């Protein structure tokens, strides 16, 4: 909101889908996909498809989490097309950030 102003951008989910797959070790799972568009001031500035894998036997993740992760991946890719957050793809920037905030702990996730 600092760049465009409050309410001046949004991410629109166009469609979602999933497909079953099996890992090389025989574990069954789902590829979960989200196709979306990044809009700035009502104009599409990027589109992308994101993917995340879901495994039923993973107690730490729900199917909803996989959908959210796929949407986040699509948003990140669409933003990259627009030139937002490109530093997240720069290994040197990521390493410098990690070193600067080495004591940073993510808050615990509430169940």
N, C-alpha and C. Protein backbone atom coordinates (compact mmCIF):
# COMPACT_ATOMS: atom_id res chain seq x y z
N UNK A 1 0.82 -1.20 0.00
CA UNK A 1 0.00 0.00 0.00
C UNK A 1 0.86 1.26 0.00
N UNK A 2 2.14 1.16 0.42
CA UNK A 2 3.01 2.34 0.41
C UNK A 2 3.33 2.79 -1.01
N UNK A 3 3.39 1.86 -1.95
CA UNK A 3 3.76 2.19 -3.32
C UNK A 3 2.55 2.73 -4.09
N UNK A 4 1.42 2.02 -4.04
CA UNK A 4 0.28 2.35 -4.87
C UNK A 4 -0.83 3.10 -4.13
N UNK A 5 -0.85 3.00 -2.82
CA UNK A 5 -1.94 3.58 -2.05
C UNK A 5 -2.90 2.49 -1.60
N UNK A 6 -3.53 2.73 -0.48
CA UNK A 6 -4.45 1.75 0.11
C UNK A 6 -5.56 1.39 -0.87
N UNK A 7 -5.74 0.10 -1.11
CA UNK A 7 -6.81 -0.38 -1.97
C UNK A 7 -6.58 -0.20 -3.46
N UNK A 8 -5.38 0.15 -3.86
CA UNK A 8 -5.11 0.41 -5.28
C UNK A 8 -4.53 -0.79 -6.01
N UNK A 9 -4.42 -1.93 -5.33
CA UNK A 9 -3.94 -3.13 -6.00
C UNK A 9 -4.71 -4.32 -5.45
N UNK A 10 -4.76 -5.40 -6.20
CA UNK A 10 -5.38 -6.63 -5.72
C UNK A 10 -4.85 -7.80 -6.54
N UNK A 11 -5.06 -8.99 -5.99
CA UNK A 11 -4.70 -10.21 -6.70
C UNK A 11 -5.98 -10.99 -6.91
N UNK A 12 -6.29 -11.29 -8.15
CA UNK A 12 -7.52 -11.96 -8.51
C UNK A 12 -7.23 -13.40 -8.89
N UNK A 13 -7.86 -14.34 -8.19
CA UNK A 13 -7.73 -15.74 -8.56
C UNK A 13 -8.62 -16.01 -9.76
N UNK A 14 -8.04 -16.50 -10.82
CA UNK A 14 -8.78 -16.81 -12.04
C UNK A 14 -9.36 -18.22 -11.97
N UNK A 15 -8.52 -19.17 -11.58
CA UNK A 15 -8.99 -20.56 -11.43
C UNK A 15 -8.00 -21.33 -10.58
N UNK A 16 -8.49 -22.41 -9.99
CA UNK A 16 -7.65 -23.33 -9.24
C UNK A 16 -7.98 -24.75 -9.69
N UNK A 17 -7.01 -25.63 -9.58
CA UNK A 17 -7.22 -27.04 -9.89
C UNK A 17 -6.14 -27.85 -9.23
N UNK A 18 -6.35 -29.16 -9.20
CA UNK A 18 -5.35 -30.05 -8.62
C UNK A 18 -5.31 -31.34 -9.42
N UNK A 19 -4.20 -32.04 -9.30
CA UNK A 19 -4.05 -33.33 -9.96
C UNK A 19 -3.26 -34.25 -9.05
N UNK A 20 -3.68 -35.50 -9.06
CA UNK A 20 -2.99 -36.49 -8.23
C UNK A 20 -1.65 -36.83 -8.86
N UNK A 21 -0.69 -37.18 -7.98
CA UNK A 21 0.61 -37.65 -8.47
C UNK A 21 1.18 -38.60 -7.43
N UNK A 22 2.23 -39.27 -7.79
CA UNK A 22 2.92 -40.20 -6.90
C UNK A 22 4.41 -39.89 -6.97
N UNK A 23 5.05 -39.77 -5.81
CA UNK A 23 6.49 -39.50 -5.78
C UNK A 23 7.26 -40.73 -6.23
N UNK A 24 8.56 -40.56 -6.43
CA UNK A 24 9.41 -41.68 -6.82
C UNK A 24 9.41 -42.77 -5.76
N UNK A 25 9.12 -42.39 -4.50
CA UNK A 25 9.06 -43.36 -3.40
C UNK A 25 7.66 -43.93 -3.21
N UNK A 26 6.73 -43.56 -4.10
CA UNK A 26 5.38 -44.12 -4.05
C UNK A 26 4.39 -43.39 -3.16
N UNK A 27 4.76 -42.22 -2.65
CA UNK A 27 3.86 -41.46 -1.79
C UNK A 27 2.86 -40.71 -2.67
N UNK A 28 1.57 -40.88 -2.34
CA UNK A 28 0.52 -40.21 -3.10
C UNK A 28 0.34 -38.78 -2.61
N UNK A 29 0.12 -37.89 -3.56
CA UNK A 29 -0.10 -36.49 -3.22
C UNK A 29 -0.86 -35.80 -4.32
N UNK A 30 -0.99 -34.48 -4.17
CA UNK A 30 -1.68 -33.66 -5.15
C UNK A 30 -0.81 -32.46 -5.50
N UNK A 31 -0.73 -32.14 -6.78
CA UNK A 31 -0.20 -30.86 -7.22
C UNK A 31 -1.40 -29.92 -7.19
N UNK A 32 -1.30 -28.83 -6.44
CA UNK A 32 -2.39 -27.85 -6.34
C UNK A 32 -1.94 -26.59 -7.08
N UNK A 33 -2.76 -26.10 -8.00
CA UNK A 33 -2.41 -24.97 -8.83
C UNK A 33 -3.37 -23.81 -8.62
N UNK A 34 -2.87 -22.61 -8.82
CA UNK A 34 -3.69 -21.40 -8.81
C UNK A 34 -3.22 -20.50 -9.94
N UNK A 35 -4.15 -20.09 -10.78
CA UNK A 35 -3.85 -19.10 -11.81
C UNK A 35 -4.47 -17.78 -11.35
N UNK A 36 -3.68 -16.72 -11.41
CA UNK A 36 -4.19 -15.45 -10.94
C UNK A 36 -3.61 -14.27 -11.69
N UNK A 37 -4.18 -13.10 -11.39
CA UNK A 37 -3.75 -11.87 -12.04
C UNK A 37 -3.52 -10.79 -10.99
N UNK A 38 -2.44 -10.05 -11.14
CA UNK A 38 -2.14 -8.90 -10.30
C UNK A 38 -2.71 -7.67 -10.97
N UNK A 39 -3.57 -6.95 -10.25
CA UNK A 39 -4.17 -5.73 -10.77
C UNK A 39 -3.67 -4.53 -10.00
N UNK A 40 -3.32 -3.48 -10.70
CA UNK A 40 -2.92 -2.22 -10.09
C UNK A 40 -3.81 -1.14 -10.68
N UNK A 41 -4.56 -0.47 -9.81
CA UNK A 41 -5.50 0.58 -10.22
C UNK A 41 -6.43 0.08 -11.32
N UNK A 42 -6.87 -1.18 -11.17
CA UNK A 42 -7.84 -1.77 -12.09
C UNK A 42 -7.27 -2.34 -13.36
N UNK A 43 -5.96 -2.27 -13.57
CA UNK A 43 -5.33 -2.79 -14.78
C UNK A 43 -4.51 -4.04 -14.46
N UNK A 44 -4.62 -5.05 -15.30
CA UNK A 44 -3.81 -6.26 -15.13
C UNK A 44 -2.37 -5.93 -15.49
N UNK A 45 -1.47 -6.19 -14.53
CA UNK A 45 -0.05 -5.91 -14.78
C UNK A 45 0.79 -7.19 -14.80
N UNK A 46 0.17 -8.31 -14.46
CA UNK A 46 0.88 -9.57 -14.49
C UNK A 46 -0.06 -10.73 -14.22
N UNK A 47 0.19 -11.85 -14.87
CA UNK A 47 -0.56 -13.07 -14.62
C UNK A 47 0.44 -14.19 -14.40
N UNK A 48 0.02 -15.20 -13.65
CA UNK A 48 0.93 -16.31 -13.39
C UNK A 48 0.16 -17.50 -12.83
N UNK A 49 0.82 -18.63 -12.86
CA UNK A 49 0.31 -19.86 -12.24
C UNK A 49 1.28 -20.26 -11.15
N UNK A 50 0.75 -20.55 -9.98
CA UNK A 50 1.55 -21.02 -8.87
C UNK A 50 1.19 -22.46 -8.54
N UNK A 51 2.11 -23.19 -7.91
CA UNK A 51 1.89 -24.59 -7.58
C UNK A 51 2.42 -24.90 -6.20
N UNK A 52 1.72 -25.77 -5.50
CA UNK A 52 2.21 -26.30 -4.23
C UNK A 52 1.74 -27.74 -4.12
N UNK A 53 2.54 -28.58 -3.51
CA UNK A 53 2.18 -29.98 -3.35
C UNK A 53 1.50 -30.21 -2.01
N UNK A 54 0.55 -31.15 -2.01
CA UNK A 54 -0.19 -31.52 -0.80
C UNK A 54 -0.10 -33.03 -0.62
N UNK A 55 0.19 -33.44 0.61
CA UNK A 55 0.24 -34.85 0.96
C UNK A 55 -0.71 -35.09 2.12
N UNK A 56 -1.63 -36.04 1.97
CA UNK A 56 -2.62 -36.34 3.01
C UNK A 56 -1.96 -36.71 4.34
N UNK A 57 -0.82 -37.38 4.29
CA UNK A 57 -0.18 -37.85 5.52
C UNK A 57 0.65 -36.78 6.22
N UNK A 58 0.63 -35.54 5.73
CA UNK A 58 1.35 -34.44 6.36
C UNK A 58 0.40 -33.73 7.32
N UNK A 59 0.50 -34.04 8.61
CA UNK A 59 -0.40 -33.47 9.61
C UNK A 59 -0.21 -31.97 9.80
N UNK A 60 0.91 -31.43 9.34
CA UNK A 60 1.20 -30.00 9.52
C UNK A 60 0.60 -29.15 8.40
N UNK A 61 -0.07 -29.76 7.42
CA UNK A 61 -0.58 -29.02 6.29
C UNK A 61 -1.97 -29.52 5.92
N UNK A 62 -2.86 -28.58 5.59
CA UNK A 62 -4.18 -28.94 5.10
C UNK A 62 -4.24 -28.67 3.60
N UNK A 63 -5.29 -29.15 2.97
CA UNK A 63 -5.49 -28.87 1.54
C UNK A 63 -5.65 -27.36 1.34
N UNK A 64 -6.31 -26.69 2.31
CA UNK A 64 -6.44 -25.22 2.25
C UNK A 64 -5.08 -24.55 2.25
N UNK A 65 -4.16 -25.05 3.08
CA UNK A 65 -2.80 -24.49 3.12
C UNK A 65 -2.14 -24.60 1.75
N UNK A 66 -2.35 -25.73 1.07
CA UNK A 66 -1.76 -25.93 -0.25
C UNK A 66 -2.36 -24.94 -1.26
N UNK A 67 -3.67 -24.70 -1.17
CA UNK A 67 -4.29 -23.71 -2.06
C UNK A 67 -3.74 -22.32 -1.79
N UNK A 68 -3.59 -21.98 -0.51
CA UNK A 68 -3.03 -20.67 -0.17
C UNK A 68 -1.58 -20.54 -0.66
N UNK A 69 -0.81 -21.61 -0.50
CA UNK A 69 0.57 -21.60 -0.98
C UNK A 69 0.66 -21.45 -2.49
N UNK A 70 -0.25 -22.10 -3.22
CA UNK A 70 -0.27 -21.98 -4.68
C UNK A 70 -0.64 -20.56 -5.09
N UNK A 71 -1.59 -19.96 -4.38
CA UNK A 71 -1.98 -18.57 -4.68
C UNK A 71 -0.83 -17.62 -4.38
N UNK A 72 -0.12 -17.86 -3.28
CA UNK A 72 1.03 -17.02 -2.94
C UNK A 72 2.12 -17.13 -4.00
N UNK A 73 2.35 -18.35 -4.48
CA UNK A 73 3.36 -18.54 -5.54
C UNK A 73 2.94 -17.82 -6.82
N UNK A 74 1.65 -17.87 -7.15
CA UNK A 74 1.16 -17.17 -8.34
C UNK A 74 1.31 -15.66 -8.17
N UNK A 75 0.96 -15.15 -6.98
CA UNK A 75 1.10 -13.71 -6.71
C UNK A 75 2.56 -13.28 -6.84
N UNK A 76 3.46 -14.06 -6.23
CA UNK A 76 4.88 -13.74 -6.28
C UNK A 76 5.39 -13.69 -7.72
N UNK A 77 4.96 -14.64 -8.54
CA UNK A 77 5.39 -14.67 -9.94
C UNK A 77 4.80 -13.51 -10.74
N UNK A 78 3.54 -13.19 -10.47
CA UNK A 78 2.92 -12.05 -11.17
C UNK A 78 3.59 -10.74 -10.77
N UNK A 79 3.90 -10.59 -9.48
CA UNK A 79 4.58 -9.38 -9.01
C UNK A 79 5.97 -9.27 -9.63
N UNK A 80 6.62 -10.41 -9.80
CA UNK A 80 7.95 -10.43 -10.42
C UNK A 80 7.88 -9.88 -11.85
N UNK A 81 6.82 -10.22 -12.58
CA UNK A 81 6.65 -9.71 -13.94
C UNK A 81 6.53 -8.18 -13.95
N UNK A 82 5.94 -7.64 -12.89
CA UNK A 82 5.74 -6.19 -12.78
C UNK A 82 6.97 -5.50 -12.20
N UNK A 83 7.90 -6.30 -11.69
CA UNK A 83 9.13 -5.73 -11.14
C UNK A 83 9.08 -5.48 -9.64
N UNK A 84 8.08 -6.04 -8.96
CA UNK A 84 7.95 -5.87 -7.51
C UNK A 84 8.64 -7.03 -6.81
N UNK A 85 9.45 -6.73 -5.81
CA UNK A 85 10.06 -7.77 -4.99
C UNK A 85 11.11 -8.60 -5.70
N UNK A 86 11.73 -8.06 -6.72
CA UNK A 86 12.73 -8.84 -7.46
C UNK A 86 13.90 -9.25 -6.57
N UNK A 87 14.15 -8.48 -5.49
CA UNK A 87 15.25 -8.84 -4.60
C UNK A 87 15.04 -10.22 -3.96
N UNK A 88 13.79 -10.68 -3.87
CA UNK A 88 13.53 -11.99 -3.29
C UNK A 88 14.09 -13.12 -4.14
N UNK A 89 14.44 -12.82 -5.39
CA UNK A 89 15.02 -13.81 -6.28
C UNK A 89 16.54 -13.65 -6.41
N UNK A 90 17.11 -12.69 -5.68
CA UNK A 90 18.54 -12.40 -5.72
C UNK A 90 19.21 -13.06 -4.53
N UNK A 91 20.02 -14.09 -4.77
CA UNK A 91 20.64 -14.86 -3.69
C UNK A 91 21.48 -13.97 -2.76
N UNK A 92 22.23 -13.02 -3.33
CA UNK A 92 23.05 -12.13 -2.49
C UNK A 92 22.18 -11.29 -1.56
N UNK A 93 21.07 -10.77 -2.08
CA UNK A 93 20.16 -9.97 -1.26
C UNK A 93 19.57 -10.84 -0.14
N UNK A 94 19.14 -12.05 -0.49
CA UNK A 94 18.56 -12.97 0.50
C UNK A 94 19.57 -13.32 1.59
N UNK A 95 20.81 -13.59 1.20
CA UNK A 95 21.84 -13.91 2.19
C UNK A 95 22.13 -12.72 3.08
N UNK A 96 22.18 -11.51 2.51
CA UNK A 96 22.41 -10.31 3.31
C UNK A 96 21.26 -10.08 4.28
N UNK A 97 20.03 -10.29 3.83
CA UNK A 97 18.87 -10.12 4.70
C UNK A 97 18.92 -11.13 5.85
N UNK A 98 19.24 -12.39 5.52
CA UNK A 98 19.34 -13.43 6.55
C UNK A 98 20.40 -13.09 7.58
N UNK A 99 21.53 -12.56 7.13
CA UNK A 99 22.61 -12.19 8.06
C UNK A 99 22.18 -11.01 8.93
N UNK A 100 21.52 -10.04 8.34
CA UNK A 100 21.08 -8.85 9.08
C UNK A 100 20.04 -9.20 10.14
N UNK A 101 19.14 -10.12 9.81
CA UNK A 101 18.05 -10.48 10.72
C UNK A 101 18.22 -11.91 11.24
N UNK A 102 19.44 -12.28 11.54
CA UNK A 102 19.71 -13.66 11.96
C UNK A 102 18.96 -14.04 13.23
N UNK A 103 18.63 -13.09 14.07
CA UNK A 103 17.89 -13.38 15.30
C UNK A 103 16.38 -13.36 15.13
N UNK A 104 15.91 -13.14 13.90
CA UNK A 104 14.48 -13.05 13.65
C UNK A 104 13.83 -14.42 13.79
N UNK A 105 12.80 -14.50 14.58
CA UNK A 105 12.03 -15.73 14.75
C UNK A 105 10.60 -15.50 14.27
N UNK A 106 10.13 -16.37 13.41
CA UNK A 106 8.75 -16.26 12.97
C UNK A 106 7.83 -16.56 14.12
N UNK A 107 6.71 -15.83 14.23
CA UNK A 107 5.75 -16.11 15.30
C UNK A 107 5.19 -17.52 15.12
N UNK A 108 4.85 -18.16 16.24
CA UNK A 108 4.25 -19.49 16.17
C UNK A 108 2.89 -19.39 15.51
N UNK A 109 2.58 -20.39 14.71
CA UNK A 109 1.29 -20.42 14.03
C UNK A 109 0.22 -20.89 14.99
N UNK A 110 -0.88 -20.15 15.08
CA UNK A 110 -2.00 -20.52 15.94
C UNK A 110 -2.84 -21.56 15.23
N UNK A 111 -3.25 -22.57 15.95
CA UNK A 111 -4.06 -23.63 15.38
C UNK A 111 -5.53 -23.31 15.46
